[in-house]
Amino acid sequence: MLEEIINRGEQIYDLKLGFAKLLLTGGWYLWWERRQLTYEETVQPRLAIVFLTKNYKLAMKKDAKIRHGWKIPRESYISLNIDASFDEDNGCGSMGAIIRDGSGGMIAASNTFIPYLVDAPIAEAFALKEGLMLAQHIEGNRLIVQSDCLEIVQTTENRGFTANSAAAIYDECNIVWNRFQEISIEHLSREANKVAHQLARQAMITRTNCI
């Protein structure tokens, strides 16, 4: 019977949904509700089936945005993810860095709190510097730096030339940068940089440094 319904491809025009999609989503949702009841958890109203099906339909559109997570680095390379946080009201900042290997396993991580900072660009530049120093500390020679800050990526690709307040820090970064055998930098989404973001956030909350 299910096969017959799926093959017909009938539509529920009032809901603008395919009957097969609604039936299959509904079947899954009833199983989920049964599981919730078994563990004495909250059960959602039946109307949620319609919402779930509509969300599925939207996700299947050609222009739907695909969420990309972190990707493992190329073989024989390690990846360095960096992020920074700046508190304008208190004039302080924090940064986080994590290094992973080709299997996705963590090699090292650090987060740092800096009590006195002028602005956000300096915080981002410090994150780059701290990350590079961490990679140098573990003696990684082939490094892929990843940041969700486009300014960091563009400035680094421009050999650290910048007119903002972080110019001196970029000069230091450039010196460390040239010590690696192979190194590159790339921009990635904030979603794919969650761990570095959480490390920076943790340092801001605890106001402590950790490696």
N, C-alpha and C. Protein backbone atom coordinates (compact mmCIF):
# COMPACT_ATOMS: atom_id res chain seq x y z
N MET A 1 0.83 -1.21 0.00
CA MET A 1 0.00 0.00 0.00
C MET A 1 0.87 1.26 0.00
N LEU A 2 1.93 1.24 0.81
CA LEU A 2 2.84 2.38 0.84
C LEU A 2 3.48 2.60 -0.52
N GLU A 3 3.89 1.51 -1.16
CA GLU A 3 4.51 1.62 -2.48
C GLU A 3 3.56 2.25 -3.48
N GLU A 4 2.28 1.85 -3.41
CA GLU A 4 1.28 2.41 -4.32
C GLU A 4 1.10 3.91 -4.10
N ILE A 5 1.05 4.33 -2.84
CA ILE A 5 0.87 5.75 -2.50
C ILE A 5 2.06 6.58 -2.99
N ILE A 6 3.28 6.04 -2.75
CA ILE A 6 4.49 6.77 -3.15
C ILE A 6 4.55 6.93 -4.67
N ASN A 7 4.20 5.86 -5.39
CA ASN A 7 4.27 5.90 -6.85
C ASN A 7 3.23 6.82 -7.48
N ARG A 8 2.11 7.01 -6.82
CA ARG A 8 1.07 7.88 -7.37
C ARG A 8 1.50 9.35 -7.41
N GLY A 9 2.25 9.77 -6.41
CA GLY A 9 2.72 11.15 -6.38
C GLY A 9 1.62 12.18 -6.19
N GLU A 10 0.58 11.81 -5.43
CA GLU A 10 -0.55 12.72 -5.21
C GLU A 10 -0.15 13.90 -4.33
N GLN A 11 -0.83 15.02 -4.52
CA GLN A 11 -0.56 16.24 -3.77
C GLN A 11 -1.73 16.59 -2.86
N ILE A 12 -1.41 17.17 -1.71
CA ILE A 12 -2.44 17.76 -0.84
C ILE A 12 -2.38 19.26 -1.09
N TYR A 13 -3.25 19.75 -1.93
CA TYR A 13 -3.10 21.12 -2.43
C TYR A 13 -3.30 22.17 -1.35
N ASP A 14 -4.16 21.90 -0.36
CA ASP A 14 -4.37 22.88 0.71
C ASP A 14 -3.08 23.12 1.51
N LEU A 15 -2.28 22.08 1.63
CA LEU A 15 -1.02 22.18 2.38
C LEU A 15 0.17 22.39 1.48
N LYS A 16 -0.05 22.24 0.15
CA LYS A 16 1.04 22.33 -0.84
C LYS A 16 2.15 21.34 -0.52
N LEU A 17 1.70 20.09 -0.21
CA LEU A 17 2.65 19.03 0.13
C LEU A 17 2.30 17.76 -0.63
N GLY A 18 3.31 16.94 -0.89
CA GLY A 18 3.06 15.63 -1.47
C GLY A 18 2.53 14.70 -0.40
N PHE A 19 1.50 13.90 -0.76
CA PHE A 19 0.88 13.00 0.21
C PHE A 19 1.89 11.96 0.71
N ALA A 20 2.74 11.46 -0.22
CA ALA A 20 3.74 10.45 0.16
C ALA A 20 4.72 11.03 1.19
N LYS A 21 5.18 12.26 0.96
CA LYS A 21 6.12 12.90 1.90
C LYS A 21 5.48 13.06 3.28
N LEU A 22 4.20 13.50 3.26
CA LEU A 22 3.50 13.70 4.53
C LEU A 22 3.32 12.38 5.27
N LEU A 23 2.99 11.33 4.52
CA LEU A 23 2.76 10.02 5.13
C LEU A 23 4.05 9.45 5.72
N LEU A 24 5.14 9.55 4.97
CA LEU A 24 6.42 9.00 5.44
C LEU A 24 6.96 9.80 6.62
N THR A 25 6.84 11.13 6.55
CA THR A 25 7.28 11.95 7.68
C THR A 25 6.42 11.68 8.90
N GLY A 26 5.12 11.53 8.66
CA GLY A 26 4.19 11.24 9.75
C GLY A 26 4.49 9.91 10.42
N GLY A 27 4.83 8.91 9.61
CA GLY A 27 5.17 7.60 10.15
C GLY A 27 6.40 7.67 11.05
N TRP A 28 7.40 8.40 10.55
CA TRP A 28 8.61 8.58 11.37
C TRP A 28 8.27 9.32 12.66
N TYR A 29 7.41 10.35 12.57
CA TYR A 29 7.11 11.17 13.73
C TYR A 29 6.32 10.40 14.78
N LEU A 30 5.43 9.52 14.34
CA LEU A 30 4.67 8.71 15.29
C LEU A 30 5.61 7.76 16.05
N TRP A 31 6.59 7.22 15.32
CA TRP A 31 7.60 6.38 15.99
C TRP A 31 8.37 7.21 17.02
N TRP A 32 8.71 8.45 16.66
CA TRP A 32 9.46 9.32 17.57
C TRP A 32 8.63 9.66 18.81
N GLU A 33 7.33 9.93 18.60
CA GLU A 33 6.44 10.22 19.73
C GLU A 33 6.36 9.04 20.69
N ARG A 34 6.28 7.84 20.10
CA ARG A 34 6.21 6.63 20.93
C ARG A 34 7.47 6.51 21.78
N ARG A 35 8.62 6.84 21.19
CA ARG A 35 9.88 6.81 21.92
C ARG A 35 9.87 7.84 23.05
N GLN A 36 9.33 9.05 22.75
CA GLN A 36 9.26 10.09 23.78
C GLN A 36 8.40 9.66 24.96
N LEU A 37 7.25 9.03 24.64
CA LEU A 37 6.35 8.57 25.70
C LEU A 37 6.99 7.47 26.53
N THR A 38 7.76 6.60 25.87
CA THR A 38 8.43 5.50 26.58
C THR A 38 9.37 6.04 27.65
N TYR A 39 10.07 7.14 27.31
CA TYR A 39 11.03 7.74 28.24
C TYR A 39 10.41 8.90 29.03
N GLU A 40 9.06 8.99 28.98
CA GLU A 40 8.31 9.99 29.74
C GLU A 40 8.78 11.41 29.42
N GLU A 41 9.01 11.68 28.15
CA GLU A 41 9.42 13.00 27.70
C GLU A 41 8.23 13.71 27.04
N THR A 42 8.39 15.02 26.81
CA THR A 42 7.30 15.83 26.26
C THR A 42 6.99 15.43 24.83
N VAL A 43 5.69 15.34 24.53
CA VAL A 43 5.22 15.01 23.18
C VAL A 43 4.69 16.27 22.51
N GLN A 44 5.08 16.49 21.26
CA GLN A 44 4.65 17.67 20.51
C GLN A 44 3.26 17.47 19.91
N PRO A 45 2.54 18.56 19.58
CA PRO A 45 1.22 18.43 18.95
C PRO A 45 1.32 17.78 17.58
N ARG A 46 0.23 17.15 17.12
CA ARG A 46 0.22 16.44 15.83
C ARG A 46 0.53 17.36 14.66
N LEU A 47 0.22 18.65 14.80
CA LEU A 47 0.47 19.60 13.72
C LEU A 47 1.95 19.68 13.36
N ALA A 48 2.81 19.24 14.29
CA ALA A 48 4.25 19.27 14.04
C ALA A 48 4.62 18.43 12.83
N ILE A 49 3.82 17.41 12.51
CA ILE A 49 4.08 16.57 11.34
C ILE A 49 4.07 17.41 10.07
N VAL A 50 3.11 18.31 9.96
CA VAL A 50 3.02 19.19 8.80
C VAL A 50 4.23 20.10 8.72
N PHE A 51 4.62 20.67 9.87
CA PHE A 51 5.78 21.57 9.89
C PHE A 51 7.06 20.82 9.49
N LEU A 52 7.22 19.60 10.01
CA LEU A 52 8.39 18.80 9.67
C LEU A 52 8.46 18.53 8.18
N THR A 53 7.31 18.18 7.59
CA THR A 53 7.26 17.87 6.16
C THR A 53 7.57 19.11 5.33
N LYS A 54 7.05 20.26 5.74
CA LYS A 54 7.31 21.50 5.00
C LYS A 54 8.80 21.86 5.09
N ASN A 55 9.39 21.65 6.26
CA ASN A 55 10.82 21.92 6.41
C ASN A 55 11.65 21.02 5.50
N TYR A 56 11.23 19.75 5.39
CA TYR A 56 11.91 18.82 4.50
C TYR A 56 11.80 19.30 3.05
N LYS A 57 10.62 19.76 2.68
CA LYS A 57 10.40 20.24 1.31
C LYS A 57 11.28 21.45 1.02
N LEU A 58 11.39 22.37 1.99
CA LEU A 58 12.25 23.55 1.80
C LEU A 58 13.72 23.15 1.68
N ALA A 59 14.12 22.17 2.47
CA ALA A 59 15.52 21.73 2.44
C ALA A 59 15.91 21.08 1.12
N MET A 60 14.91 20.51 0.41
CA MET A 60 15.18 19.84 -0.85
C MET A 60 15.21 20.79 -2.04
N LYS A 61 14.92 22.07 -1.81
CA LYS A 61 14.97 23.04 -2.90
C LYS A 61 16.39 23.20 -3.41
N LYS A 62 16.54 23.50 -4.69
CA LYS A 62 17.86 23.64 -5.29
C LYS A 62 18.65 24.80 -4.70
N ASP A 63 17.94 25.85 -4.25
CA ASP A 63 18.64 27.01 -3.70
C ASP A 63 18.78 26.95 -2.19
N ALA A 64 18.47 25.78 -1.60
CA ALA A 64 18.62 25.64 -0.15
C ALA A 64 20.09 25.68 0.22
N LYS A 65 20.41 26.36 1.31
CA LYS A 65 21.79 26.49 1.74
C LYS A 65 22.25 25.22 2.44
N ILE A 66 23.38 24.70 2.01
CA ILE A 66 23.95 23.51 2.63
C ILE A 66 24.92 23.96 3.72
N ARG A 67 24.75 23.41 4.91
CA ARG A 67 25.61 23.81 6.03
C ARG A 67 26.86 22.94 6.02
N HIS A 68 28.00 23.58 5.91
CA HIS A 68 29.27 22.86 5.84
C HIS A 68 29.98 22.91 7.18
N GLY A 69 30.39 21.75 7.66
CA GLY A 69 31.13 21.70 8.90
C GLY A 69 32.63 21.67 8.64
N TRP A 70 33.39 21.44 9.70
CA TRP A 70 34.84 21.42 9.59
C TRP A 70 35.28 20.21 8.77
N LYS A 71 36.30 20.39 7.94
CA LYS A 71 36.83 19.31 7.11
C LYS A 71 38.25 18.97 7.55
N ILE A 72 38.59 17.68 7.48
CA ILE A 72 39.92 17.27 7.87
C ILE A 72 40.94 17.78 6.84
N PRO A 73 42.17 18.07 7.27
CA PRO A 73 43.18 18.59 6.33
C PRO A 73 43.69 17.50 5.38
N ARG A 74 44.41 17.93 4.37
CA ARG A 74 45.01 16.99 3.43
C ARG A 74 46.04 16.12 4.13
N GLU A 75 46.34 14.98 3.54
CA GLU A 75 47.29 14.05 4.12
C GLU A 75 48.66 14.72 4.32
N SER A 76 49.26 14.45 5.44
CA SER A 76 50.56 14.98 5.86
C SER A 76 50.50 16.46 6.28
N TYR A 77 49.30 17.03 6.34
CA TYR A 77 49.12 18.41 6.80
C TYR A 77 48.40 18.41 8.15
N ILE A 78 48.56 19.49 8.87
CA ILE A 78 47.76 19.72 10.06
C ILE A 78 46.98 21.02 9.86
N SER A 79 45.85 21.12 10.52
CA SER A 79 45.03 22.33 10.38
C SER A 79 45.03 23.12 11.68
N LEU A 80 45.05 24.43 11.52
CA LEU A 80 44.99 25.35 12.67
C LEU A 80 43.76 26.23 12.52
N ASN A 81 42.81 26.07 13.43
CA ASN A 81 41.63 26.93 13.45
C ASN A 81 41.79 27.98 14.54
N ILE A 82 41.51 29.23 14.18
CA ILE A 82 41.68 30.34 15.13
C ILE A 82 40.42 31.18 15.17
N ASP A 83 40.20 31.81 16.30
CA ASP A 83 39.08 32.76 16.44
C ASP A 83 39.38 33.70 17.60
N ALA A 84 38.74 34.86 17.57
CA ALA A 84 38.95 35.86 18.61
C ALA A 84 37.62 36.45 19.06
N SER A 85 37.63 37.02 20.25
CA SER A 85 36.46 37.70 20.79
C SER A 85 36.92 39.02 21.39
N PHE A 86 36.11 40.07 21.20
CA PHE A 86 36.48 41.39 21.71
C PHE A 86 35.30 41.99 22.47
N ASP A 87 35.58 42.45 23.68
CA ASP A 87 34.58 43.10 24.53
C ASP A 87 34.84 44.61 24.48
N GLU A 88 34.05 45.31 23.70
CA GLU A 88 34.26 46.75 23.50
C GLU A 88 34.03 47.54 24.78
N ASP A 89 33.07 47.11 25.60
CA ASP A 89 32.74 47.85 26.82
C ASP A 89 33.89 47.83 27.84
N ASN A 90 34.57 46.69 27.93
CA ASN A 90 35.64 46.54 28.92
C ASN A 90 37.04 46.63 28.32
N GLY A 91 37.11 46.76 26.99
CA GLY A 91 38.41 46.89 26.34
C GLY A 91 39.31 45.70 26.51
N CYS A 92 38.72 44.48 26.46
CA CYS A 92 39.51 43.26 26.61
C CYS A 92 39.15 42.28 25.50
N GLY A 93 39.93 41.25 25.37
CA GLY A 93 39.67 40.28 24.31
C GLY A 93 40.16 38.90 24.67
N SER A 94 39.85 37.95 23.82
CA SER A 94 40.30 36.58 24.04
C SER A 94 40.46 35.90 22.69
N MET A 95 41.16 34.81 22.67
CA MET A 95 41.37 34.08 21.43
C MET A 95 41.46 32.59 21.70
N GLY A 96 41.13 31.82 20.68
CA GLY A 96 41.19 30.37 20.79
C GLY A 96 41.85 29.78 19.56
N ALA A 97 42.56 28.68 19.74
CA ALA A 97 43.22 28.00 18.63
C ALA A 97 43.20 26.50 18.88
N ILE A 98 42.98 25.74 17.81
CA ILE A 98 43.02 24.29 17.91
C ILE A 98 43.73 23.72 16.69
N ILE A 99 44.60 22.76 16.92
CA ILE A 99 45.34 22.10 15.84
C ILE A 99 44.89 20.65 15.77
N ARG A 100 44.52 20.21 14.55
CA ARG A 100 44.08 18.82 14.33
C ARG A 100 44.94 18.16 13.26
N ASP A 101 44.98 16.84 13.31
CA ASP A 101 45.75 16.11 12.30
C ASP A 101 44.84 15.60 11.18
N GLY A 102 45.41 14.79 10.28
CA GLY A 102 44.67 14.31 9.11
C GLY A 102 43.53 13.38 9.43
N SER A 103 43.47 12.84 10.64
CA SER A 103 42.36 11.97 11.03
C SER A 103 41.26 12.76 11.75
N GLY A 104 41.51 14.05 11.97
CA GLY A 104 40.55 14.88 12.68
C GLY A 104 40.79 14.94 14.17
N GLY A 105 41.81 14.23 14.65
CA GLY A 105 42.11 14.22 16.08
C GLY A 105 42.84 15.48 16.51
N MET A 106 42.57 15.90 17.73
CA MET A 106 43.22 17.10 18.25
C MET A 106 44.66 16.82 18.66
N ILE A 107 45.55 17.69 18.22
CA ILE A 107 46.95 17.61 18.62
C ILE A 107 47.21 18.56 19.79
N ALA A 108 46.73 19.79 19.66
CA ALA A 108 46.93 20.78 20.71
C ALA A 108 45.86 21.86 20.59
N ALA A 109 45.61 22.53 21.69
CA ALA A 109 44.64 23.63 21.70
C ALA A 109 45.05 24.64 22.76
N SER A 110 44.65 25.88 22.56
CA SER A 110 44.96 26.91 23.55
C SER A 110 43.90 27.99 23.53
N ASN A 111 43.76 28.67 24.63
CA ASN A 111 42.95 29.89 24.67
C ASN A 111 43.60 30.91 25.60
N THR A 112 43.45 32.16 25.25
CA THR A 112 44.17 33.23 25.95
C THR A 112 43.25 34.42 26.19
N PHE A 113 43.37 34.99 27.36
CA PHE A 113 42.64 36.21 27.70
C PHE A 113 43.62 37.38 27.74
N ILE A 114 43.28 38.48 27.06
CA ILE A 114 44.12 39.68 27.08
C ILE A 114 43.31 40.81 27.70
N PRO A 115 43.71 41.31 28.85
CA PRO A 115 42.89 42.29 29.58
C PRO A 115 42.80 43.67 28.93
N TYR A 116 43.78 44.01 28.07
CA TYR A 116 43.76 45.35 27.48
C TYR A 116 43.94 45.25 25.97
N LEU A 117 42.90 45.62 25.23
CA LEU A 117 42.95 45.61 23.77
C LEU A 117 42.23 46.85 23.24
N VAL A 118 42.71 47.36 22.12
CA VAL A 118 42.13 48.59 21.56
C VAL A 118 40.86 48.30 20.76
N ASP A 119 40.94 47.27 19.89
CA ASP A 119 39.80 47.01 19.03
C ASP A 119 39.78 45.55 18.57
N ALA A 120 38.75 45.20 17.79
CA ALA A 120 38.57 43.83 17.32
C ALA A 120 39.66 43.38 16.34
N PRO A 121 40.12 44.23 15.39
CA PRO A 121 41.20 43.79 14.48
C PRO A 121 42.46 43.34 15.21
N ILE A 122 42.79 44.01 16.33
CA ILE A 122 43.96 43.58 17.10
C ILE A 122 43.71 42.21 17.73
N ALA A 123 42.49 41.99 18.22
CA ALA A 123 42.15 40.69 18.81
C ALA A 123 42.29 39.57 17.78
N GLU A 124 41.80 39.81 16.56
CA GLU A 124 41.90 38.81 15.49
C GLU A 124 43.36 38.56 15.12
N ALA A 125 44.17 39.62 15.06
CA ALA A 125 45.59 39.46 14.73
C ALA A 125 46.31 38.68 15.83
N PHE A 126 45.96 38.93 17.08
CA PHE A 126 46.55 38.19 18.19
C PHE A 126 46.18 36.70 18.09
N ALA A 127 44.96 36.41 17.65
CA ALA A 127 44.54 35.02 17.50
C ALA A 127 45.42 34.31 16.48
N LEU A 128 45.73 34.99 15.37
CA LEU A 128 46.62 34.43 14.36
C LEU A 128 48.00 34.18 14.95
N LYS A 129 48.52 35.16 15.67
CA LYS A 129 49.85 35.04 16.25
C LYS A 129 49.91 33.88 17.25
N GLU A 130 48.91 33.80 18.13
CA GLU A 130 48.89 32.74 19.14
C GLU A 130 48.80 31.37 18.48
N GLY A 131 47.99 31.28 17.41
CA GLY A 131 47.85 30.01 16.70
C GLY A 131 49.14 29.58 16.03
N LEU A 132 49.81 30.51 15.39
CA LEU A 132 51.08 30.21 14.73
C LEU A 132 52.14 29.79 15.75
N MET A 133 52.15 30.45 16.89
CA MET A 133 53.11 30.11 17.94
C MET A 133 52.84 28.70 18.48
N LEU A 134 51.55 28.36 18.59
CA LEU A 134 51.18 27.02 19.06
C LEU A 134 51.64 25.97 18.05
N ALA A 135 51.43 26.24 16.76
CA ALA A 135 51.85 25.30 15.71
C ALA A 135 53.37 25.16 15.69
N GLN A 136 54.06 26.25 15.93
CA GLN A 136 55.53 26.20 15.98
C GLN A 136 55.99 25.40 17.19
N HIS A 137 55.27 25.54 18.29
CA HIS A 137 55.62 24.85 19.53
C HIS A 137 55.55 23.33 19.36
N ILE A 138 54.58 22.83 18.58
CA ILE A 138 54.45 21.38 18.37
C ILE A 138 55.27 20.91 17.19
N GLU A 139 56.03 21.85 16.57
CA GLU A 139 56.92 21.56 15.45
C GLU A 139 56.17 21.02 14.23
N GLY A 140 55.02 21.66 13.95
CA GLY A 140 54.29 21.31 12.73
C GLY A 140 54.86 22.08 11.55
N ASN A 141 55.21 21.38 10.47
CA ASN A 141 55.85 22.04 9.32
C ASN A 141 54.89 22.32 8.17
N ARG A 142 53.85 21.50 8.04
CA ARG A 142 52.88 21.69 6.95
C ARG A 142 51.54 22.08 7.57
N LEU A 143 51.19 23.32 7.39
CA LEU A 143 50.08 23.90 8.16
C LEU A 143 49.06 24.56 7.25
N ILE A 144 47.79 24.30 7.55
CA ILE A 144 46.68 25.00 6.88
C ILE A 144 45.95 25.81 7.95
N VAL A 145 46.03 27.12 7.86
CA VAL A 145 45.37 28.00 8.83
C VAL A 145 43.96 28.29 8.34
N GLN A 146 42.99 28.21 9.24
CA GLN A 146 41.59 28.45 8.89
C GLN A 146 40.99 29.48 9.86
N SER A 147 40.31 30.47 9.28
CA SER A 147 39.69 31.52 10.09
C SER A 147 38.38 31.94 9.45
N ASP A 148 37.40 32.30 10.29
CA ASP A 148 36.14 32.81 9.75
C ASP A 148 36.16 34.34 9.61
N CYS A 149 37.32 34.95 9.89
CA CYS A 149 37.48 36.40 9.73
C CYS A 149 38.14 36.68 8.38
N LEU A 150 37.38 37.24 7.46
CA LEU A 150 37.89 37.48 6.11
C LEU A 150 39.06 38.46 6.11
N GLU A 151 39.03 39.42 7.03
CA GLU A 151 40.11 40.41 7.11
C GLU A 151 41.45 39.74 7.43
N ILE A 152 41.42 38.77 8.34
CA ILE A 152 42.63 38.02 8.68
C ILE A 152 43.19 37.31 7.45
N VAL A 153 42.31 36.66 6.72
CA VAL A 153 42.73 35.89 5.55
C VAL A 153 43.32 36.81 4.48
N GLN A 154 42.62 37.90 4.18
CA GLN A 154 43.08 38.82 3.13
C GLN A 154 44.39 39.51 3.51
N THR A 155 44.50 39.92 4.77
CA THR A 155 45.73 40.60 5.22
C THR A 155 46.92 39.65 5.19
N THR A 156 46.70 38.41 5.62
CA THR A 156 47.78 37.43 5.63
C THR A 156 48.22 37.10 4.21
N GLU A 157 47.26 36.97 3.31
CA GLU A 157 47.60 36.70 1.90
C GLU A 157 48.35 37.88 1.28
N ASN A 158 48.15 39.07 1.85
CA ASN A 158 48.84 40.27 1.38
C ASN A 158 50.14 40.51 2.15
N ARG A 159 50.71 39.43 2.68
CA ARG A 159 51.97 39.45 3.43
C ARG A 159 51.92 40.33 4.68
N GLY A 160 50.74 40.48 5.24
CA GLY A 160 50.60 41.21 6.49
C GLY A 160 50.52 42.71 6.36
N PHE A 161 50.47 43.21 5.12
CA PHE A 161 50.39 44.67 4.94
C PHE A 161 48.99 45.16 5.28
N THR A 162 48.90 46.07 6.24
CA THR A 162 47.63 46.63 6.64
C THR A 162 47.84 48.02 7.25
N ALA A 163 46.80 48.83 7.16
CA ALA A 163 46.90 50.19 7.70
C ALA A 163 46.18 50.31 9.04
N ASN A 164 45.65 49.20 9.56
CA ASN A 164 44.92 49.31 10.82
C ASN A 164 45.84 49.16 12.03
N SER A 165 45.24 49.14 13.20
CA SER A 165 45.99 49.14 14.46
C SER A 165 46.79 47.87 14.70
N ALA A 166 46.54 46.83 13.93
CA ALA A 166 47.19 45.54 14.17
C ALA A 166 48.44 45.34 13.32
N ALA A 167 48.92 46.38 12.66
CA ALA A 167 50.05 46.25 11.73
C ALA A 167 51.28 45.61 12.37
N ALA A 168 51.61 46.03 13.58
CA ALA A 168 52.81 45.51 14.26
C ALA A 168 52.68 44.02 14.56
N ILE A 169 51.48 43.58 14.90
CA ILE A 169 51.26 42.16 15.21
C ILE A 169 51.38 41.32 13.94
N TYR A 170 50.88 41.86 12.83
CA TYR A 170 51.02 41.14 11.56
C TYR A 170 52.48 41.00 11.15
N ASP A 171 53.29 41.99 11.49
CA ASP A 171 54.74 41.90 11.21
C ASP A 171 55.34 40.71 11.96
N GLU A 172 54.94 40.54 13.21
CA GLU A 172 55.42 39.40 14.00
C GLU A 172 54.92 38.08 13.42
N CYS A 173 53.66 38.09 13.00
CA CYS A 173 53.06 36.88 12.40
C CYS A 173 53.82 36.49 11.14
N ASN A 174 54.19 37.49 10.36
CA ASN A 174 54.89 37.24 9.10
C ASN A 174 56.24 36.57 9.33
N ILE A 175 56.91 36.96 10.40
CA ILE A 175 58.21 36.35 10.74
C ILE A 175 58.03 34.87 11.07
N VAL A 176 57.03 34.57 11.92
CA VAL A 176 56.75 33.17 12.30
C VAL A 176 56.26 32.38 11.09
N TRP A 177 55.42 33.02 10.26
CA TRP A 177 54.84 32.39 9.06
C TRP A 177 55.94 31.82 8.17
N ASN A 178 56.99 32.58 7.98
CA ASN A 178 58.07 32.18 7.06
C ASN A 178 58.94 31.04 7.58
N ARG A 179 58.73 30.63 8.80
CA ARG A 179 59.52 29.53 9.37
C ARG A 179 58.93 28.16 9.06
N PHE A 180 57.70 28.15 8.55
CA PHE A 180 57.06 26.87 8.23
C PHE A 180 57.50 26.39 6.84
N GLN A 181 57.57 25.08 6.70
CA GLN A 181 57.96 24.50 5.42
C GLN A 181 56.89 24.78 4.35
N GLU A 182 55.65 24.46 4.68
CA GLU A 182 54.51 24.75 3.80
C GLU A 182 53.37 25.29 4.65
N ILE A 183 52.81 26.40 4.22
CA ILE A 183 51.73 27.01 5.01
C ILE A 183 50.79 27.78 4.08
N SER A 184 49.52 27.72 4.39
CA SER A 184 48.50 28.46 3.63
C SER A 184 47.38 28.86 4.58
N ILE A 185 46.54 29.75 4.11
CA ILE A 185 45.41 30.20 4.93
C ILE A 185 44.15 30.21 4.09
N GLU A 186 43.03 29.87 4.71
CA GLU A 186 41.76 29.86 3.99
C GLU A 186 40.62 30.33 4.89
N HIS A 187 39.62 30.88 4.22
CA HIS A 187 38.44 31.38 4.94
C HIS A 187 37.41 30.27 5.03
N LEU A 188 36.73 30.17 6.15
CA LEU A 188 35.67 29.19 6.33
C LEU A 188 34.53 29.82 7.11
N SER A 189 33.40 29.15 7.13
CA SER A 189 32.21 29.70 7.79
C SER A 189 32.37 29.65 9.31
N ARG A 190 31.60 30.47 9.99
CA ARG A 190 31.63 30.47 11.46
C ARG A 190 31.18 29.11 12.00
N GLU A 191 30.24 28.49 11.28
CA GLU A 191 29.75 27.18 11.70
C GLU A 191 30.87 26.14 11.73
N ALA A 192 31.78 26.23 10.76
CA ALA A 192 32.87 25.27 10.66
C ALA A 192 34.03 25.62 11.61
N ASN A 193 33.89 26.74 12.33
CA ASN A 193 34.96 27.19 13.22
C ASN A 193 34.50 27.22 14.67
N LYS A 194 33.56 26.36 14.99
CA LYS A 194 32.91 26.40 16.29
C LYS A 194 33.85 26.14 17.46
N VAL A 195 34.78 25.20 17.29
CA VAL A 195 35.65 24.83 18.42
C VAL A 195 36.55 25.99 18.82
N ALA A 196 37.17 26.62 17.81
CA ALA A 196 38.02 27.79 18.11
C ALA A 196 37.19 28.91 18.74
N HIS A 197 35.97 29.07 18.26
CA HIS A 197 35.08 30.10 18.81
C HIS A 197 34.77 29.82 20.29
N GLN A 198 34.48 28.56 20.60
CA GLN A 198 34.17 28.19 21.98
C GLN A 198 35.39 28.35 22.89
N LEU A 199 36.56 28.05 22.37
CA LEU A 199 37.79 28.23 23.15
C LEU A 199 38.00 29.70 23.51
N ALA A 200 37.79 30.58 22.50
CA ALA A 200 37.92 32.02 22.75
C ALA A 200 36.87 32.49 23.75
N ARG A 201 35.67 31.99 23.61
CA ARG A 201 34.57 32.38 24.51
C ARG A 201 34.86 31.93 25.94
N GLN A 202 35.41 30.73 26.08
CA GLN A 202 35.73 30.21 27.41
C GLN A 202 36.78 31.07 28.11
N ALA A 203 37.78 31.51 27.33
CA ALA A 203 38.82 32.37 27.91
C ALA A 203 38.24 33.71 28.36
N MET A 204 37.27 34.21 27.61
CA MET A 204 36.63 35.48 27.97
C MET A 204 35.84 35.33 29.27
N ILE A 205 35.21 34.18 29.46
CA ILE A 205 34.40 33.94 30.65
C ILE A 205 35.28 33.73 31.88
N THR A 206 36.29 32.85 31.73
CA THR A 206 37.14 32.51 32.88
C THR A 206 38.27 33.50 33.11
N ARG A 207 38.60 34.28 32.06
CA ARG A 207 39.70 35.25 32.11
C ARG A 207 41.01 34.56 32.52
N THR A 208 41.22 33.39 31.95
CA THR A 208 42.44 32.63 32.22
C THR A 208 43.04 32.16 30.90
N ASN A 209 44.30 31.75 30.95
CA ASN A 209 45.00 31.22 29.78
C ASN A 209 45.23 29.73 29.96
N CYS A 210 45.16 28.99 28.87
CA CYS A 210 45.31 27.54 28.97
C CYS A 210 45.88 26.98 27.68
N ILE A 211 46.80 26.04 27.79
CA ILE A 211 47.31 25.28 26.64
C ILE A 211 47.12 23.79 26.94
